[in-house]
């Protein structure tokens, strides 16, 4: 998407979580984020990311393809300035879900991955997905977020439901059986309003 070298100081989006502080999203910079990214996506806790066993060079090549794709991008999420999660956005009519569902104008696809940790913080993944959703919906053209996690990934199904996603049903992708789910702006607003009340 960017022809130039991304600037690590560029903030694409930020929000403050009342309990955990400032969550921000910046462009992925393969020149400086490669080691970090490789450690995240190949970690045993990232099994559903399907990159186990890849070398750093292979991970960089995959994310370079994403960065150069006109309908797909990847970003690093930070919490209080420290890298803490990965976000991908894509056009599901052109990437990932081509021919697998009837796309609507304003659809955007999303993947997110929390950095592995040995000291989990209560409410952290919920705050991450809330921040990721707020980020992708920050684009006024977006009307609905589409996700397709592995049907076996029950932890992410629960998180998705908590921020307003409703399952449409299983679909067969080349690499997995996925649970296609959708979340409109209204569903997200209703789900997150309820969480704060």
N, C-alpha and C. Protein backbone atom coordinates (compact mmCIF):
# COMPACT_ATOMS: atom_id res chain seq x y z
N UNK A 1 0.82 -1.20 0.00
CA UNK A 1 0.00 0.00 0.00
C UNK A 1 0.87 1.27 0.00
N UNK A 2 1.93 1.26 0.81
CA UNK A 2 2.82 2.42 0.84
C UNK A 2 4.04 2.14 -0.03
N UNK A 3 4.34 3.07 -0.92
CA UNK A 3 5.53 2.92 -1.76
C UNK A 3 6.79 3.18 -0.92
N UNK A 4 6.67 4.12 0.02
CA UNK A 4 7.84 4.52 0.81
C UNK A 4 8.00 3.64 2.03
N UNK A 5 9.12 3.80 2.67
CA UNK A 5 9.42 3.08 3.91
C UNK A 5 8.46 3.58 4.99
N UNK A 6 7.68 2.68 5.63
CA UNK A 6 6.73 3.17 6.63
C UNK A 6 7.43 3.81 7.82
N UNK A 7 6.78 4.79 8.37
CA UNK A 7 7.33 5.51 9.52
C UNK A 7 6.74 4.91 10.80
N UNK A 8 7.61 4.38 11.64
CA UNK A 8 7.15 3.73 12.88
C UNK A 8 6.44 4.71 13.82
N UNK A 9 6.65 6.01 13.61
CA UNK A 9 6.01 6.99 14.49
C UNK A 9 4.61 7.37 14.01
N UNK A 10 4.24 6.94 12.80
CA UNK A 10 2.91 7.26 12.28
C UNK A 10 1.86 6.52 13.08
N UNK A 11 0.92 7.25 13.62
CA UNK A 11 -0.19 6.61 14.36
C UNK A 11 -1.42 6.67 13.45
N UNK A 12 -1.92 5.50 13.08
CA UNK A 12 -3.09 5.43 12.22
C UNK A 12 -4.38 5.57 13.02
N UNK A 13 -4.31 5.16 14.30
CA UNK A 13 -5.51 5.16 15.14
C UNK A 13 -5.06 5.01 16.59
N UNK A 14 -5.80 5.61 17.51
CA UNK A 14 -5.55 5.33 18.93
C UNK A 14 -6.84 5.49 19.72
N UNK A 15 -6.89 4.77 20.83
CA UNK A 15 -8.00 4.90 21.78
C UNK A 15 -7.44 4.59 23.16
N UNK A 16 -8.07 5.12 24.17
CA UNK A 16 -7.63 4.84 25.54
C UNK A 16 -8.61 3.90 26.20
N UNK A 17 -8.09 2.78 26.66
CA UNK A 17 -8.89 1.83 27.42
C UNK A 17 -8.86 2.29 28.88
N UNK A 18 -10.03 2.37 29.53
CA UNK A 18 -10.05 2.89 30.90
C UNK A 18 -9.14 2.12 31.86
N UNK A 19 -8.99 0.82 31.65
CA UNK A 19 -8.20 0.00 32.58
C UNK A 19 -6.75 -0.18 32.14
N UNK A 20 -6.52 -0.25 30.81
CA UNK A 20 -5.20 -0.69 30.33
C UNK A 20 -4.39 0.39 29.62
N UNK A 21 -4.96 1.56 29.39
CA UNK A 21 -4.17 2.64 28.81
C UNK A 21 -4.37 2.83 27.33
N UNK A 22 -3.36 3.45 26.70
CA UNK A 22 -3.49 3.87 25.31
C UNK A 22 -3.14 2.73 24.34
N UNK A 23 -4.10 2.40 23.51
CA UNK A 23 -3.92 1.43 22.44
C UNK A 23 -3.79 2.22 21.14
N UNK A 24 -2.76 1.90 20.35
CA UNK A 24 -2.56 2.61 19.09
C UNK A 24 -2.20 1.61 18.00
N UNK A 25 -2.39 2.03 16.76
CA UNK A 25 -2.06 1.19 15.61
C UNK A 25 -1.16 1.99 14.69
N UNK A 26 -0.07 1.35 14.26
CA UNK A 26 0.88 2.00 13.35
C UNK A 26 1.18 1.05 12.20
N UNK A 27 1.74 1.57 11.09
CA UNK A 27 2.09 0.67 9.98
C UNK A 27 3.14 -0.36 10.40
N UNK A 28 3.05 -1.55 9.84
CA UNK A 28 4.09 -2.57 10.01
C UNK A 28 5.32 -2.13 9.24
N UNK A 29 6.49 -2.19 9.86
CA UNK A 29 7.75 -1.83 9.21
C UNK A 29 8.63 -3.08 9.18
N UNK A 30 8.68 -3.74 8.03
CA UNK A 30 9.41 -5.01 7.94
C UNK A 30 10.90 -4.85 8.19
N UNK A 31 11.43 -3.65 7.99
CA UNK A 31 12.86 -3.44 8.23
C UNK A 31 13.19 -3.55 9.72
N UNK A 32 12.27 -3.16 10.58
CA UNK A 32 12.57 -3.17 12.01
C UNK A 32 11.66 -4.11 12.81
N UNK A 33 10.54 -4.54 12.25
CA UNK A 33 9.60 -5.40 12.98
C UNK A 33 9.76 -6.88 12.67
N UNK A 34 10.67 -7.25 11.78
CA UNK A 34 10.74 -8.63 11.30
C UNK A 34 10.93 -9.65 12.42
N UNK A 35 11.87 -9.40 13.31
CA UNK A 35 12.16 -10.37 14.38
C UNK A 35 10.96 -10.51 15.32
N UNK A 36 10.40 -9.39 15.69
CA UNK A 36 9.21 -9.36 16.56
C UNK A 36 8.06 -10.13 15.90
N UNK A 37 7.78 -9.80 14.65
CA UNK A 37 6.68 -10.43 13.91
C UNK A 37 6.88 -11.94 13.80
N UNK A 38 8.09 -12.35 13.47
CA UNK A 38 8.40 -13.78 13.34
C UNK A 38 8.15 -14.50 14.66
N UNK A 39 8.58 -13.90 15.76
CA UNK A 39 8.38 -14.50 17.08
C UNK A 39 6.90 -14.67 17.42
N UNK A 40 6.10 -13.70 17.02
CA UNK A 40 4.65 -13.76 17.30
C UNK A 40 3.96 -14.84 16.48
N UNK A 41 4.15 -14.81 15.16
CA UNK A 41 3.34 -15.66 14.27
C UNK A 41 3.77 -17.13 14.28
N UNK A 42 4.98 -17.42 14.76
CA UNK A 42 5.44 -18.81 14.81
C UNK A 42 5.35 -19.40 16.22
N UNK A 43 4.90 -18.62 17.19
CA UNK A 43 4.78 -19.08 18.57
C UNK A 43 3.71 -20.18 18.67
N UNK A 44 3.90 -21.18 19.54
CA UNK A 44 2.88 -22.23 19.68
C UNK A 44 1.47 -21.70 19.96
N UNK A 45 1.37 -20.57 20.67
CA UNK A 45 0.05 -20.00 20.97
C UNK A 45 -0.61 -19.40 19.72
N UNK A 46 0.16 -19.25 18.64
CA UNK A 46 -0.39 -18.70 17.39
C UNK A 46 -0.65 -19.81 16.37
N UNK A 47 -0.98 -21.00 16.85
CA UNK A 47 -1.16 -22.16 15.96
C UNK A 47 -2.16 -21.88 14.85
N UNK A 48 -3.25 -21.16 15.16
CA UNK A 48 -4.27 -20.91 14.15
C UNK A 48 -3.82 -19.90 13.09
N UNK A 49 -2.64 -19.27 13.30
CA UNK A 49 -2.09 -18.35 12.31
C UNK A 49 -1.45 -19.14 11.15
N UNK A 50 -1.18 -20.42 11.40
CA UNK A 50 -0.66 -21.36 10.39
C UNK A 50 0.69 -20.94 9.81
N UNK A 51 1.58 -20.42 10.65
CA UNK A 51 2.92 -20.06 10.20
C UNK A 51 4.00 -20.79 10.99
N UNK A 52 3.60 -21.79 11.79
CA UNK A 52 4.56 -22.56 12.57
C UNK A 52 5.65 -23.11 11.64
N UNK A 53 6.89 -23.01 12.10
CA UNK A 53 7.98 -23.59 11.33
C UNK A 53 8.55 -22.71 10.23
N UNK A 54 7.95 -21.54 9.98
CA UNK A 54 8.50 -20.65 8.95
C UNK A 54 9.72 -19.91 9.50
N UNK A 55 10.68 -19.66 8.61
CA UNK A 55 11.85 -18.86 8.99
C UNK A 55 11.46 -17.39 9.02
N UNK A 56 12.33 -16.58 9.59
CA UNK A 56 12.07 -15.13 9.59
C UNK A 56 11.96 -14.61 8.16
N UNK A 57 12.82 -15.09 7.27
CA UNK A 57 12.79 -14.64 5.87
C UNK A 57 11.47 -15.01 5.20
N UNK A 58 10.94 -16.19 5.52
CA UNK A 58 9.66 -16.62 4.93
C UNK A 58 8.50 -15.77 5.45
N UNK A 59 8.54 -15.43 6.74
CA UNK A 59 7.51 -14.57 7.32
C UNK A 59 7.58 -13.18 6.68
N UNK A 60 8.79 -12.65 6.55
CA UNK A 60 8.97 -11.33 5.93
C UNK A 60 8.45 -11.35 4.49
N UNK A 61 8.75 -12.42 3.75
CA UNK A 61 8.28 -12.51 2.35
C UNK A 61 6.75 -12.50 2.30
N UNK A 62 6.10 -13.22 3.22
CA UNK A 62 4.64 -13.24 3.26
C UNK A 62 4.08 -11.86 3.57
N UNK A 63 4.68 -11.17 4.54
CA UNK A 63 4.17 -9.84 4.90
C UNK A 63 4.57 -8.78 3.89
N UNK A 64 5.62 -9.02 3.13
CA UNK A 64 5.93 -8.10 2.03
C UNK A 64 4.84 -8.23 0.95
N UNK A 65 4.39 -9.47 0.69
CA UNK A 65 3.30 -9.68 -0.28
C UNK A 65 2.04 -8.93 0.18
N UNK A 66 1.76 -9.01 1.48
CA UNK A 66 0.59 -8.31 2.03
C UNK A 66 0.76 -6.80 1.87
N UNK A 67 1.94 -6.28 2.20
CA UNK A 67 2.19 -4.83 2.12
C UNK A 67 2.06 -4.32 0.69
N UNK A 68 2.44 -5.16 -0.27
CA UNK A 68 2.40 -4.74 -1.68
C UNK A 68 1.04 -4.97 -2.33
N UNK A 69 0.15 -5.67 -1.63
CA UNK A 69 -1.17 -5.98 -2.19
C UNK A 69 -2.08 -4.75 -2.11
N UNK A 70 -2.79 -4.42 -3.17
CA UNK A 70 -3.63 -3.22 -3.13
C UNK A 70 -4.86 -3.35 -2.22
N UNK A 71 -5.22 -4.58 -1.83
CA UNK A 71 -6.44 -4.78 -1.04
C UNK A 71 -6.19 -5.51 0.28
N UNK A 72 -4.97 -5.37 0.82
CA UNK A 72 -4.60 -6.08 2.05
C UNK A 72 -3.51 -5.25 2.73
N UNK A 73 -3.55 -5.11 4.04
CA UNK A 73 -2.42 -4.47 4.73
C UNK A 73 -2.28 -5.05 6.13
N UNK A 74 -1.16 -4.76 6.76
CA UNK A 74 -0.87 -5.25 8.11
C UNK A 74 -0.30 -4.11 8.93
N UNK A 75 -0.66 -4.11 10.21
CA UNK A 75 -0.22 -3.05 11.13
C UNK A 75 0.16 -3.66 12.47
N UNK A 76 0.96 -2.91 13.21
CA UNK A 76 1.32 -3.30 14.56
C UNK A 76 0.50 -2.47 15.54
N UNK A 77 -0.07 -3.15 16.53
CA UNK A 77 -0.78 -2.46 17.59
C UNK A 77 0.12 -2.34 18.80
N UNK A 78 0.05 -1.20 19.45
CA UNK A 78 0.86 -0.97 20.64
C UNK A 78 -0.05 -0.66 21.83
N UNK A 79 0.45 -0.96 23.01
CA UNK A 79 -0.23 -0.58 24.25
C UNK A 79 0.77 0.22 25.07
N UNK A 80 0.42 1.47 25.33
CA UNK A 80 1.35 2.37 26.03
C UNK A 80 2.71 2.39 25.33
N UNK A 81 2.67 2.34 24.00
CA UNK A 81 3.88 2.45 23.19
C UNK A 81 4.62 1.15 22.93
N UNK A 82 4.23 0.05 23.60
CA UNK A 82 4.92 -1.23 23.41
C UNK A 82 4.17 -2.10 22.41
N UNK A 83 4.86 -2.70 21.42
CA UNK A 83 4.18 -3.57 20.47
C UNK A 83 3.47 -4.72 21.19
N UNK A 84 2.19 -4.94 20.86
CA UNK A 84 1.41 -5.92 21.62
C UNK A 84 0.46 -6.76 20.77
N UNK A 85 0.19 -6.32 19.53
CA UNK A 85 -0.71 -7.11 18.69
C UNK A 85 -0.52 -6.77 17.22
N UNK A 86 -0.99 -7.68 16.39
CA UNK A 86 -0.89 -7.57 14.94
C UNK A 86 -2.31 -7.45 14.39
N UNK A 87 -2.49 -6.58 13.40
CA UNK A 87 -3.79 -6.40 12.75
C UNK A 87 -3.61 -6.52 11.24
N UNK A 88 -4.50 -7.24 10.60
CA UNK A 88 -4.56 -7.23 9.13
C UNK A 88 -5.95 -6.80 8.72
N UNK A 89 -5.99 -5.98 7.66
CA UNK A 89 -7.27 -5.60 7.04
C UNK A 89 -7.21 -6.06 5.58
N UNK A 90 -8.36 -6.48 5.06
CA UNK A 90 -8.40 -6.89 3.65
C UNK A 90 -9.79 -6.69 3.08
N UNK A 91 -9.86 -6.61 1.77
CA UNK A 91 -11.14 -6.52 1.07
C UNK A 91 -11.60 -7.95 0.80
N UNK A 92 -12.64 -8.43 1.50
CA UNK A 92 -13.02 -9.84 1.36
C UNK A 92 -13.59 -10.21 0.00
N UNK A 93 -13.95 -9.22 -0.79
CA UNK A 93 -14.42 -9.51 -2.15
C UNK A 93 -13.24 -9.81 -3.08
N UNK A 94 -12.00 -9.44 -2.64
CA UNK A 94 -10.81 -9.62 -3.49
C UNK A 94 -9.73 -10.50 -2.87
N UNK A 95 -9.80 -10.72 -1.56
CA UNK A 95 -8.79 -11.49 -0.83
C UNK A 95 -9.51 -12.39 0.17
N UNK A 96 -9.00 -13.59 0.36
CA UNK A 96 -9.46 -14.51 1.41
C UNK A 96 -10.82 -15.16 1.15
N UNK A 97 -11.83 -14.38 0.78
CA UNK A 97 -13.19 -14.91 0.73
C UNK A 97 -13.82 -14.80 -0.65
N UNK A 98 -13.00 -14.66 -1.67
CA UNK A 98 -13.51 -14.53 -3.04
C UNK A 98 -14.35 -15.76 -3.40
N UNK A 99 -15.61 -15.52 -3.77
CA UNK A 99 -16.49 -16.60 -4.18
C UNK A 99 -17.06 -17.43 -3.05
N UNK A 100 -16.74 -17.08 -1.79
CA UNK A 100 -17.19 -17.90 -0.66
C UNK A 100 -18.39 -17.31 0.08
N UNK A 101 -18.73 -16.06 -0.23
CA UNK A 101 -19.92 -15.45 0.38
C UNK A 101 -20.31 -14.25 -0.49
N UNK A 102 -21.55 -13.76 -0.38
CA UNK A 102 -21.95 -12.59 -1.18
C UNK A 102 -21.51 -11.29 -0.51
N UNK A 103 -20.44 -10.65 -0.99
CA UNK A 103 -19.96 -9.43 -0.34
C UNK A 103 -20.96 -8.28 -0.51
N UNK A 104 -20.94 -7.38 0.47
CA UNK A 104 -21.76 -6.18 0.40
C UNK A 104 -20.84 -4.96 0.36
N UNK A 105 -21.32 -3.85 -0.23
CA UNK A 105 -20.51 -2.63 -0.20
C UNK A 105 -20.21 -2.25 1.25
N UNK A 106 -18.97 -1.86 1.51
CA UNK A 106 -18.59 -1.47 2.86
C UNK A 106 -18.11 -2.61 3.73
N UNK A 107 -17.96 -3.82 3.16
CA UNK A 107 -17.40 -4.94 3.93
C UNK A 107 -15.88 -4.79 4.04
N UNK A 108 -15.35 -5.14 5.20
CA UNK A 108 -13.89 -5.23 5.37
C UNK A 108 -13.58 -6.49 6.17
N UNK A 109 -12.53 -7.18 5.76
CA UNK A 109 -12.08 -8.36 6.49
C UNK A 109 -11.01 -7.97 7.49
N UNK A 110 -10.92 -8.74 8.56
CA UNK A 110 -9.98 -8.42 9.64
C UNK A 110 -9.41 -9.70 10.24
N UNK A 111 -8.10 -9.67 10.52
CA UNK A 111 -7.44 -10.69 11.34
C UNK A 111 -6.71 -9.94 12.46
N UNK A 112 -6.62 -10.56 13.64
CA UNK A 112 -5.78 -9.95 14.68
C UNK A 112 -5.10 -11.06 15.47
N UNK A 113 -3.94 -10.73 16.01
CA UNK A 113 -3.15 -11.68 16.80
C UNK A 113 -2.52 -10.93 17.97
N UNK A 114 -2.78 -11.42 19.18
CA UNK A 114 -2.13 -10.84 20.37
C UNK A 114 -0.73 -11.42 20.51
N UNK A 115 0.21 -10.60 20.92
CA UNK A 115 1.57 -11.09 21.18
C UNK A 115 1.52 -12.14 22.28
N UNK A 116 2.28 -13.23 22.12
CA UNK A 116 2.30 -14.25 23.18
C UNK A 116 2.90 -13.68 24.47
N UNK A 117 2.36 -14.13 25.59
CA UNK A 117 2.89 -13.67 26.87
C UNK A 117 2.78 -14.79 27.90
N UNK A 118 3.69 -14.79 28.85
CA UNK A 118 3.62 -15.74 29.95
C UNK A 118 2.87 -15.15 31.14
N UNK A 119 2.53 -13.86 31.04
CA UNK A 119 1.82 -13.20 32.14
C UNK A 119 0.56 -12.52 31.59
N UNK A 120 -0.49 -13.31 31.33
CA UNK A 120 -1.71 -12.73 30.77
C UNK A 120 -2.32 -11.67 31.70
N UNK A 121 -2.86 -10.63 31.08
CA UNK A 121 -3.52 -9.55 31.82
C UNK A 121 -5.02 -9.71 31.62
N UNK A 122 -5.78 -9.73 32.71
CA UNK A 122 -7.23 -9.90 32.62
C UNK A 122 -7.85 -8.80 31.77
N UNK A 123 -8.65 -9.21 30.79
CA UNK A 123 -9.33 -8.24 29.93
C UNK A 123 -8.52 -7.74 28.75
N UNK A 124 -7.26 -8.22 28.64
CA UNK A 124 -6.38 -7.67 27.60
C UNK A 124 -6.87 -8.02 26.19
N UNK A 125 -7.18 -9.30 25.92
CA UNK A 125 -7.58 -9.66 24.56
C UNK A 125 -8.89 -8.98 24.18
N UNK A 126 -9.76 -8.82 25.16
CA UNK A 126 -11.02 -8.10 24.88
C UNK A 126 -10.73 -6.64 24.52
N UNK A 127 -9.79 -6.02 25.22
CA UNK A 127 -9.41 -4.63 24.91
C UNK A 127 -8.75 -4.55 23.54
N UNK A 128 -7.96 -5.59 23.18
CA UNK A 128 -7.32 -5.60 21.85
C UNK A 128 -8.38 -5.69 20.76
N UNK A 129 -9.30 -6.65 20.84
CA UNK A 129 -10.28 -6.79 19.76
C UNK A 129 -11.19 -5.56 19.69
N UNK A 130 -11.48 -4.95 20.83
CA UNK A 130 -12.27 -3.71 20.83
C UNK A 130 -11.52 -2.61 20.09
N UNK A 131 -10.21 -2.50 20.35
CA UNK A 131 -9.38 -1.49 19.68
C UNK A 131 -9.26 -1.78 18.19
N UNK A 132 -9.09 -3.06 17.83
CA UNK A 132 -8.98 -3.45 16.42
C UNK A 132 -10.27 -3.11 15.68
N UNK A 133 -11.40 -3.43 16.29
CA UNK A 133 -12.69 -3.12 15.66
C UNK A 133 -12.88 -1.61 15.51
N UNK A 134 -12.54 -0.85 16.55
CA UNK A 134 -12.65 0.61 16.47
C UNK A 134 -11.75 1.15 15.35
N UNK A 135 -10.57 0.55 15.20
CA UNK A 135 -9.63 0.95 14.14
C UNK A 135 -10.22 0.68 12.76
N UNK A 136 -10.70 -0.53 12.50
CA UNK A 136 -11.20 -0.83 11.15
C UNK A 136 -12.48 -0.05 10.85
N UNK A 137 -13.29 0.21 11.88
CA UNK A 137 -14.52 0.98 11.68
C UNK A 137 -14.28 2.49 11.66
N UNK A 138 -13.04 2.90 11.92
CA UNK A 138 -12.69 4.32 11.87
C UNK A 138 -12.79 4.85 10.43
N UNK A 139 -12.73 3.96 9.46
CA UNK A 139 -12.91 4.33 8.05
C UNK A 139 -14.41 4.46 7.81
N UNK A 140 -14.89 5.67 7.46
CA UNK A 140 -16.34 5.86 7.31
C UNK A 140 -16.96 5.02 6.20
N UNK A 141 -16.13 4.53 5.27
CA UNK A 141 -16.66 3.70 4.18
C UNK A 141 -17.01 2.29 4.65
N UNK A 142 -16.47 1.89 5.80
CA UNK A 142 -16.70 0.53 6.30
C UNK A 142 -18.06 0.46 6.99
N UNK A 143 -18.85 -0.54 6.59
CA UNK A 143 -20.17 -0.71 7.20
C UNK A 143 -20.29 -2.02 7.98
N UNK A 144 -19.43 -3.00 7.60
CA UNK A 144 -19.54 -4.31 8.23
C UNK A 144 -18.17 -4.98 8.24
N UNK A 145 -17.82 -5.63 9.36
CA UNK A 145 -16.54 -6.34 9.47
C UNK A 145 -16.82 -7.84 9.31
N UNK A 146 -15.96 -8.49 8.52
CA UNK A 146 -16.11 -9.91 8.20
C UNK A 146 -14.90 -10.65 8.77
N UNK A 147 -15.15 -11.77 9.45
CA UNK A 147 -14.05 -12.60 9.95
C UNK A 147 -14.31 -14.05 9.57
N UNK A 148 -13.22 -14.82 9.49
CA UNK A 148 -13.34 -16.23 9.11
C UNK A 148 -12.34 -17.07 9.91
N UNK A 149 -12.48 -17.08 11.26
CA UNK A 149 -11.56 -17.89 12.05
C UNK A 149 -11.83 -19.39 11.89
N UNK A 150 -10.83 -20.17 12.20
CA UNK A 150 -10.96 -21.62 12.19
C UNK A 150 -12.14 -22.04 13.08
N UNK A 151 -12.94 -22.98 12.61
CA UNK A 151 -14.11 -23.41 13.40
C UNK A 151 -13.69 -23.94 14.78
N UNK A 152 -12.46 -24.44 14.91
CA UNK A 152 -11.99 -25.00 16.19
C UNK A 152 -11.51 -23.94 17.18
N UNK A 153 -11.39 -22.71 16.72
CA UNK A 153 -10.81 -21.65 17.56
C UNK A 153 -11.90 -21.03 18.45
N UNK A 154 -12.31 -21.81 19.46
CA UNK A 154 -13.43 -21.39 20.30
C UNK A 154 -13.13 -20.12 21.09
N UNK A 155 -11.86 -19.90 21.44
CA UNK A 155 -11.51 -18.69 22.20
C UNK A 155 -11.82 -17.44 21.39
N UNK A 156 -11.47 -17.46 20.10
CA UNK A 156 -11.72 -16.26 19.29
C UNK A 156 -13.21 -16.13 18.94
N UNK A 157 -13.93 -17.23 18.84
CA UNK A 157 -15.38 -17.13 18.61
C UNK A 157 -16.04 -16.38 19.77
N UNK A 158 -15.62 -16.70 21.00
CA UNK A 158 -16.18 -16.03 22.18
C UNK A 158 -15.84 -14.54 22.19
N UNK A 159 -14.58 -14.23 21.84
CA UNK A 159 -14.17 -12.82 21.76
C UNK A 159 -14.97 -12.09 20.70
N UNK A 160 -15.11 -12.72 19.52
CA UNK A 160 -15.86 -12.09 18.43
C UNK A 160 -17.29 -11.81 18.88
N UNK A 161 -17.93 -12.78 19.53
CA UNK A 161 -19.30 -12.60 20.00
C UNK A 161 -19.39 -11.44 20.99
N UNK A 162 -18.35 -11.29 21.82
CA UNK A 162 -18.36 -10.25 22.86
C UNK A 162 -18.36 -8.85 22.27
N UNK A 163 -17.84 -8.68 21.04
CA UNK A 163 -17.84 -7.35 20.43
C UNK A 163 -18.91 -7.20 19.34
N UNK A 164 -19.82 -8.18 19.26
CA UNK A 164 -20.97 -8.00 18.37
C UNK A 164 -21.05 -8.88 17.14
N UNK A 165 -20.04 -9.75 16.91
CA UNK A 165 -20.10 -10.62 15.73
C UNK A 165 -21.21 -11.66 15.87
N UNK A 166 -21.86 -11.94 14.74
CA UNK A 166 -22.86 -13.01 14.69
C UNK A 166 -22.42 -14.01 13.62
N UNK A 167 -22.38 -15.29 13.97
CA UNK A 167 -21.96 -16.30 12.98
C UNK A 167 -22.98 -16.44 11.86
N UNK A 168 -22.47 -16.57 10.63
CA UNK A 168 -23.33 -16.84 9.48
C UNK A 168 -23.31 -18.33 9.15
N UNK A 169 -22.25 -19.03 9.61
CA UNK A 169 -22.14 -20.46 9.36
C UNK A 169 -20.76 -20.84 8.87
N UNK A 170 -20.48 -22.15 8.84
CA UNK A 170 -19.16 -22.61 8.41
C UNK A 170 -18.98 -22.48 6.90
N UNK A 171 -17.76 -22.21 6.49
CA UNK A 171 -17.39 -22.21 5.07
C UNK A 171 -16.09 -22.99 4.94
N UNK A 172 -15.87 -23.56 3.76
CA UNK A 172 -14.65 -24.32 3.52
C UNK A 172 -13.68 -23.46 2.73
N UNK A 173 -12.54 -23.15 3.37
CA UNK A 173 -11.46 -22.43 2.69
C UNK A 173 -10.38 -23.44 2.33
N UNK A 174 -9.46 -23.09 1.44
CA UNK A 174 -8.42 -24.06 1.05
C UNK A 174 -7.61 -24.56 2.25
N UNK A 175 -7.38 -23.69 3.24
CA UNK A 175 -6.49 -24.06 4.35
C UNK A 175 -7.22 -24.47 5.63
N UNK A 176 -8.56 -24.29 5.68
CA UNK A 176 -9.26 -24.58 6.93
C UNK A 176 -10.77 -24.58 6.74
N UNK A 177 -11.46 -25.18 7.73
CA UNK A 177 -12.90 -24.98 7.88
C UNK A 177 -13.04 -23.72 8.74
N UNK A 178 -13.76 -22.74 8.24
CA UNK A 178 -13.85 -21.46 8.93
C UNK A 178 -15.28 -21.15 9.33
N UNK A 179 -15.41 -20.35 10.39
CA UNK A 179 -16.73 -19.87 10.81
C UNK A 179 -16.87 -18.43 10.33
N UNK A 180 -17.64 -18.25 9.26
CA UNK A 180 -17.87 -16.91 8.71
C UNK A 180 -18.78 -16.15 9.67
N UNK A 181 -18.35 -14.95 10.07
CA UNK A 181 -19.14 -14.15 11.00
C UNK A 181 -19.08 -12.68 10.57
N UNK A 182 -20.12 -11.95 10.93
CA UNK A 182 -20.24 -10.54 10.54
C UNK A 182 -20.55 -9.68 11.75
N UNK A 183 -20.08 -8.42 11.70
CA UNK A 183 -20.40 -7.45 12.74
C UNK A 183 -20.61 -6.09 12.08
N UNK A 184 -21.82 -5.55 12.20
CA UNK A 184 -22.09 -4.21 11.67
C UNK A 184 -21.65 -3.17 12.69
N UNK A 185 -21.60 -1.92 12.24
CA UNK A 185 -21.29 -0.82 13.15
C UNK A 185 -22.25 -0.81 14.34
N UNK A 186 -23.53 -1.05 14.04
CA UNK A 186 -24.56 -1.00 15.08
C UNK A 186 -24.37 -2.13 16.09
N UNK A 187 -24.03 -3.32 15.60
CA UNK A 187 -23.81 -4.45 16.51
C UNK A 187 -22.61 -4.19 17.41
N UNK A 188 -21.54 -3.63 16.83
CA UNK A 188 -20.34 -3.33 17.63
C UNK A 188 -20.67 -2.27 18.69
N UNK A 189 -21.38 -1.22 18.28
CA UNK A 189 -21.73 -0.15 19.22
C UNK A 189 -22.58 -0.70 20.36
N UNK A 190 -23.55 -1.55 20.04
CA UNK A 190 -24.42 -2.10 21.06
C UNK A 190 -23.65 -3.01 22.01
N UNK A 191 -22.75 -3.85 21.46
CA UNK A 191 -21.99 -4.78 22.29
C UNK A 191 -21.02 -4.05 23.21
N UNK A 192 -20.37 -3.01 22.71
CA UNK A 192 -19.37 -2.33 23.52
C UNK A 192 -20.00 -1.35 24.49
N UNK A 193 -21.16 -0.82 24.15
CA UNK A 193 -21.91 0.00 25.11
C UNK A 193 -22.28 -0.84 26.32
N UNK A 194 -22.78 -2.04 26.06
CA UNK A 194 -23.18 -2.95 27.14
C UNK A 194 -22.00 -3.31 28.04
N UNK A 195 -20.81 -3.44 27.45
CA UNK A 195 -19.63 -3.84 28.22
C UNK A 195 -19.22 -2.76 29.21
N UNK A 196 -19.45 -1.49 28.83
CA UNK A 196 -19.01 -0.39 29.70
C UNK A 196 -20.04 -0.06 30.78
N UNK A 197 -21.28 -0.48 30.55
CA UNK A 197 -22.37 -0.08 31.46
C UNK A 197 -22.23 -0.78 32.81
